[in-house]
Amino acid sequence: MDDRTRTEIEAAAFRALRDHLMVKRPDVQNIDLMNLAGFCRNCLSRWYQEAAAERGIALTKEEAREIFYGMPYEAWKAAHQEEADPARQAAFEIAFAENVGKREG
């Protein structure tokens, strides 16, 4: 397989994952994704931002999230995310530290 075809297939797989998480399963909470898989929609938007930066394209965290979510992140949260109980929040702190790193502020 040549590099261009591989890149196109990888991009199609990314779009399918995004569609699955955003359209087919918006009910799945980001905190549960992070706790179970070590990544969530926000991670995907951060990876998008990082890939853009590697190509000299500056995006803020908010801009990358809006591209990924298709709307401002706060609007997505209001429509689809629920408050997590203390046990899920504690598990998130561990999963975040293990998979992303130290939390800011």
N, C-alpha and C. Protein backbone atom coordinates (compact mmCIF):
# COMPACT_ATOMS: atom_id res chain seq x y z
N MET A 1 0.85 -1.17 0.00
CA MET A 1 0.00 0.00 0.00
C MET A 1 0.90 1.24 0.00
N ASP A 2 0.57 2.19 -0.83
CA ASP A 2 1.39 3.41 -0.88
C ASP A 2 0.98 4.35 0.26
N ASP A 3 1.84 5.33 0.54
CA ASP A 3 1.61 6.24 1.67
C ASP A 3 0.32 7.05 1.53
N ARG A 4 0.03 7.51 0.33
CA ARG A 4 -1.18 8.31 0.14
C ARG A 4 -2.43 7.49 0.44
N THR A 5 -2.48 6.27 -0.06
CA THR A 5 -3.64 5.40 0.20
C THR A 5 -3.76 5.11 1.68
N ARG A 6 -2.64 4.82 2.32
CA ARG A 6 -2.65 4.56 3.77
C ARG A 6 -3.19 5.76 4.52
N THR A 7 -2.74 6.95 4.17
CA THR A 7 -3.20 8.18 4.82
C THR A 7 -4.70 8.39 4.60
N GLU A 8 -5.18 8.13 3.40
CA GLU A 8 -6.60 8.27 3.10
C GLU A 8 -7.43 7.28 3.91
N ILE A 9 -6.94 6.06 4.04
CA ILE A 9 -7.65 5.04 4.83
C ILE A 9 -7.65 5.43 6.31
N GLU A 10 -6.52 5.89 6.81
CA GLU A 10 -6.45 6.33 8.20
C GLU A 10 -7.40 7.50 8.45
N ALA A 11 -7.46 8.44 7.52
CA ALA A 11 -8.37 9.58 7.65
C ALA A 11 -9.83 9.11 7.65
N ALA A 12 -10.15 8.16 6.79
CA ALA A 12 -11.51 7.62 6.75
C ALA A 12 -11.86 6.92 8.07
N ALA A 13 -10.91 6.19 8.63
CA ALA A 13 -11.14 5.52 9.91
C ALA A 13 -11.36 6.55 11.02
N PHE A 14 -10.59 7.64 11.02
CA PHE A 14 -10.77 8.71 11.99
C PHE A 14 -12.16 9.32 11.85
N ARG A 15 -12.58 9.61 10.62
CA ARG A 15 -13.90 10.19 10.40
C ARG A 15 -15.00 9.23 10.88
N ALA A 16 -14.81 7.94 10.68
CA ALA A 16 -15.80 6.95 11.14
C ALA A 16 -15.86 6.92 12.66
N LEU A 17 -14.71 7.00 13.32
CA LEU A 17 -14.68 7.04 14.79
C LEU A 17 -15.36 8.30 15.29
N ARG A 18 -15.05 9.44 14.69
CA ARG A 18 -15.68 10.70 15.08
C ARG A 18 -17.20 10.60 14.90
N ASP A 19 -17.65 10.10 13.76
CA ASP A 19 -19.08 9.96 13.49
C ASP A 19 -19.74 9.04 14.52
N HIS A 20 -19.07 7.96 14.83
CA HIS A 20 -19.61 7.02 15.81
C HIS A 20 -19.80 7.70 17.17
N LEU A 21 -18.78 8.43 17.61
CA LEU A 21 -18.85 9.07 18.92
C LEU A 21 -19.78 10.28 18.96
N MET A 22 -19.88 10.99 17.85
CA MET A 22 -20.65 12.23 17.84
C MET A 22 -22.10 12.04 17.41
N VAL A 23 -22.34 11.12 16.48
CA VAL A 23 -23.68 10.95 15.92
C VAL A 23 -24.37 9.71 16.47
N LYS A 24 -23.68 8.59 16.41
CA LYS A 24 -24.31 7.33 16.81
C LYS A 24 -24.35 7.14 18.32
N ARG A 25 -23.34 7.65 19.03
CA ARG A 25 -23.25 7.43 20.47
C ARG A 25 -22.93 8.70 21.26
N PRO A 26 -23.69 9.76 21.06
CA PRO A 26 -23.44 10.97 21.86
C PRO A 26 -23.77 10.76 23.34
N ASP A 27 -24.49 9.68 23.64
CA ASP A 27 -24.84 9.36 25.01
C ASP A 27 -23.65 8.87 25.83
N VAL A 28 -22.63 8.37 25.16
CA VAL A 28 -21.45 7.88 25.88
C VAL A 28 -20.71 9.09 26.44
N GLN A 29 -20.52 9.09 27.73
CA GLN A 29 -19.90 10.22 28.40
C GLN A 29 -18.38 10.23 28.20
N ASN A 30 -17.82 11.43 28.05
CA ASN A 30 -16.37 11.55 27.91
C ASN A 30 -15.64 10.93 29.10
N ILE A 31 -16.17 11.14 30.31
CA ILE A 31 -15.51 10.61 31.49
C ILE A 31 -15.45 9.09 31.45
N ASP A 32 -16.50 8.45 30.94
CA ASP A 32 -16.51 6.99 30.85
C ASP A 32 -15.53 6.50 29.78
N LEU A 33 -15.44 7.23 28.67
CA LEU A 33 -14.44 6.88 27.66
C LEU A 33 -13.04 6.95 28.25
N MET A 34 -12.74 8.03 28.96
CA MET A 34 -11.41 8.19 29.55
C MET A 34 -11.15 7.09 30.58
N ASN A 35 -12.13 6.83 31.42
CA ASN A 35 -11.94 5.83 32.47
C ASN A 35 -11.74 4.42 31.92
N LEU A 36 -12.42 4.11 30.83
CA LEU A 36 -12.33 2.76 30.26
C LEU A 36 -11.24 2.62 29.20
N ALA A 37 -11.07 3.64 28.37
CA ALA A 37 -10.17 3.51 27.22
C ALA A 37 -8.92 4.37 27.31
N GLY A 38 -8.88 5.31 28.24
CA GLY A 38 -7.71 6.16 28.37
C GLY A 38 -7.69 7.32 27.39
N PHE A 39 -8.80 7.57 26.70
CA PHE A 39 -8.93 8.73 25.83
C PHE A 39 -10.42 9.07 25.71
N CYS A 40 -10.69 10.29 25.26
CA CYS A 40 -12.08 10.71 25.05
C CYS A 40 -12.13 11.65 23.85
N ARG A 41 -13.28 12.22 23.63
CA ARG A 41 -13.44 13.15 22.51
C ARG A 41 -12.47 14.33 22.62
N ASN A 42 -12.26 14.81 23.85
CA ASN A 42 -11.32 15.92 24.04
C ASN A 42 -9.90 15.52 23.65
N CYS A 43 -9.53 14.30 23.91
CA CYS A 43 -8.20 13.81 23.49
C CYS A 43 -8.11 13.83 21.97
N LEU A 44 -9.17 13.37 21.32
CA LEU A 44 -9.16 13.36 19.85
C LEU A 44 -9.03 14.78 19.31
N SER A 45 -9.71 15.74 19.92
CA SER A 45 -9.57 17.13 19.46
C SER A 45 -8.17 17.66 19.75
N ARG A 46 -7.56 17.24 20.86
CA ARG A 46 -6.18 17.65 21.18
C ARG A 46 -5.21 17.04 20.18
N TRP A 47 -5.41 15.79 19.82
CA TRP A 47 -4.53 15.16 18.83
C TRP A 47 -4.67 15.85 17.48
N TYR A 48 -5.88 16.30 17.16
CA TYR A 48 -6.11 17.08 15.94
C TYR A 48 -5.31 18.38 16.01
N GLN A 49 -5.39 19.06 17.14
CA GLN A 49 -4.65 20.31 17.35
C GLN A 49 -3.15 20.08 17.23
N GLU A 50 -2.66 19.02 17.82
CA GLU A 50 -1.23 18.71 17.77
C GLU A 50 -0.79 18.39 16.34
N ALA A 51 -1.61 17.65 15.60
CA ALA A 51 -1.28 17.33 14.20
C ALA A 51 -1.24 18.60 13.36
N ALA A 52 -2.16 19.52 13.63
CA ALA A 52 -2.16 20.80 12.91
C ALA A 52 -0.89 21.57 13.24
N ALA A 53 -0.51 21.61 14.51
CA ALA A 53 0.69 22.34 14.93
C ALA A 53 1.94 21.78 14.27
N GLU A 54 2.00 20.45 14.11
CA GLU A 54 3.15 19.84 13.44
C GLU A 54 3.27 20.30 11.99
N ARG A 55 2.17 20.78 11.44
CA ARG A 55 2.16 21.26 10.06
C ARG A 55 2.14 22.78 9.98
N GLY A 56 2.44 23.44 11.11
CA GLY A 56 2.53 24.88 11.15
C GLY A 56 1.20 25.60 11.21
N ILE A 57 0.14 24.88 11.59
CA ILE A 57 -1.20 25.48 11.68
C ILE A 57 -1.53 25.63 13.16
N ALA A 58 -1.65 26.87 13.59
CA ALA A 58 -1.94 27.15 15.00
C ALA A 58 -3.44 27.11 15.25
N LEU A 59 -3.84 26.28 16.19
CA LEU A 59 -5.22 26.21 16.65
C LEU A 59 -5.22 26.28 18.16
N THR A 60 -6.14 27.02 18.73
CA THR A 60 -6.30 26.98 20.18
C THR A 60 -7.03 25.69 20.55
N LYS A 61 -7.01 25.36 21.82
CA LYS A 61 -7.75 24.20 22.30
C LYS A 61 -9.24 24.35 21.96
N GLU A 62 -9.77 25.55 22.15
CA GLU A 62 -11.18 25.79 21.87
C GLU A 62 -11.49 25.65 20.39
N GLU A 63 -10.60 26.15 19.52
CA GLU A 63 -10.81 26.02 18.07
C GLU A 63 -10.78 24.56 17.64
N ALA A 64 -9.83 23.80 18.16
CA ALA A 64 -9.74 22.38 17.81
C ALA A 64 -10.97 21.63 18.29
N ARG A 65 -11.43 21.94 19.49
CA ARG A 65 -12.63 21.28 20.00
C ARG A 65 -13.84 21.63 19.14
N GLU A 66 -13.96 22.88 18.73
CA GLU A 66 -15.12 23.26 17.90
C GLU A 66 -15.08 22.56 16.56
N ILE A 67 -13.89 22.37 16.00
CA ILE A 67 -13.77 21.61 14.74
C ILE A 67 -14.21 20.17 14.97
N PHE A 68 -13.71 19.56 16.04
CA PHE A 68 -14.03 18.16 16.30
C PHE A 68 -15.51 17.97 16.65
N TYR A 69 -16.02 18.79 17.57
CA TYR A 69 -17.39 18.65 18.05
C TYR A 69 -18.42 19.19 17.05
N GLY A 70 -17.98 20.06 16.14
CA GLY A 70 -18.92 20.66 15.20
C GLY A 70 -19.74 21.77 15.82
N MET A 71 -19.34 22.20 16.99
CA MET A 71 -20.02 23.27 17.74
C MET A 71 -19.09 23.64 18.90
N PRO A 72 -19.34 24.77 19.55
CA PRO A 72 -18.53 25.07 20.74
C PRO A 72 -18.66 23.94 21.77
N TYR A 73 -17.56 23.64 22.43
CA TYR A 73 -17.54 22.55 23.40
C TYR A 73 -18.58 22.73 24.50
N GLU A 74 -18.75 23.95 24.96
CA GLU A 74 -19.73 24.19 26.03
C GLU A 74 -21.14 23.83 25.57
N ALA A 75 -21.45 24.06 24.31
CA ALA A 75 -22.77 23.68 23.77
C ALA A 75 -22.91 22.16 23.75
N TRP A 76 -21.85 21.45 23.35
CA TRP A 76 -21.87 19.98 23.36
C TRP A 76 -22.10 19.47 24.79
N LYS A 77 -21.33 20.01 25.73
CA LYS A 77 -21.46 19.58 27.12
C LYS A 77 -22.89 19.77 27.61
N ALA A 78 -23.45 20.93 27.34
CA ALA A 78 -24.81 21.22 27.81
C ALA A 78 -25.83 20.26 27.21
N ALA A 79 -25.62 19.85 25.96
CA ALA A 79 -26.57 18.98 25.29
C ALA A 79 -26.38 17.50 25.59
N HIS A 80 -25.14 17.07 25.90
CA HIS A 80 -24.87 15.64 25.93
C HIS A 80 -24.16 15.10 27.18
N GLN A 81 -23.58 15.95 27.97
CA GLN A 81 -22.81 15.45 29.10
C GLN A 81 -23.57 15.64 30.40
N GLU A 82 -23.38 14.71 31.30
CA GLU A 82 -24.03 14.78 32.61
C GLU A 82 -22.98 14.90 33.69
N GLU A 83 -23.39 15.35 34.86
CA GLU A 83 -22.48 15.46 35.99
C GLU A 83 -22.08 14.06 36.45
N ALA A 84 -20.81 13.85 36.66
CA ALA A 84 -20.31 12.54 37.09
C ALA A 84 -20.32 12.44 38.61
N ASP A 85 -20.61 11.25 39.10
CA ASP A 85 -20.59 11.04 40.53
C ASP A 85 -19.14 11.01 41.03
N PRO A 86 -18.93 11.11 42.34
CA PRO A 86 -17.57 11.17 42.88
C PRO A 86 -16.69 9.97 42.51
N ALA A 87 -17.24 8.78 42.42
CA ALA A 87 -16.44 7.61 42.06
C ALA A 87 -15.92 7.72 40.62
N ARG A 88 -16.77 8.16 39.70
CA ARG A 88 -16.33 8.33 38.31
C ARG A 88 -15.30 9.46 38.21
N GLN A 89 -15.49 10.52 38.99
CA GLN A 89 -14.53 11.62 38.98
C GLN A 89 -13.17 11.17 39.51
N ALA A 90 -13.16 10.38 40.56
CA ALA A 90 -11.90 9.87 41.11
C ALA A 90 -11.20 8.96 40.11
N ALA A 91 -11.95 8.09 39.46
CA ALA A 91 -11.37 7.21 38.43
C ALA A 91 -10.82 8.04 37.28
N PHE A 92 -11.51 9.13 36.94
CA PHE A 92 -11.06 10.01 35.87
C PHE A 92 -9.71 10.63 36.21
N GLU A 93 -9.54 11.09 37.43
CA GLU A 93 -8.27 11.71 37.83
C GLU A 93 -7.11 10.74 37.60
N ILE A 94 -7.32 9.48 37.93
CA ILE A 94 -6.28 8.46 37.73
C ILE A 94 -6.06 8.22 36.25
N ALA A 95 -7.14 8.01 35.50
CA ALA A 95 -7.01 7.74 34.06
C ALA A 95 -6.37 8.91 33.34
N PHE A 96 -6.75 10.13 33.70
CA PHE A 96 -6.17 11.31 33.07
C PHE A 96 -4.67 11.38 33.33
N ALA A 97 -4.28 11.19 34.59
CA ALA A 97 -2.87 11.25 34.95
C ALA A 97 -2.06 10.17 34.22
N GLU A 98 -2.63 8.99 34.09
CA GLU A 98 -1.91 7.88 33.44
C GLU A 98 -1.82 8.05 31.92
N ASN A 99 -2.82 8.67 31.31
CA ASN A 99 -2.90 8.71 29.86
C ASN A 99 -2.61 10.06 29.25
N VAL A 100 -2.82 11.12 29.99
CA VAL A 100 -2.62 12.46 29.44
C VAL A 100 -1.50 13.17 30.15
N GLY A 101 -1.49 13.10 31.45
CA GLY A 101 -0.46 13.76 32.24
C GLY A 101 -1.08 14.59 33.34
N LYS A 102 -0.29 15.45 33.88
CA LYS A 102 -0.71 16.29 34.99
C LYS A 102 -1.77 17.27 34.51
N ARG A 103 -2.82 17.43 35.30
CA ARG A 103 -3.89 18.38 34.96
C ARG A 103 -3.45 19.80 35.27
N GLU A 104 -3.90 20.73 34.41
CA GLU A 104 -3.61 22.15 34.62
C GLU A 104 -4.57 22.71 35.64
N GLY A 105 -4.07 23.66 36.43
CA GLY A 105 -4.90 24.41 37.37
C GLY A 105 -5.73 23.56 38.19
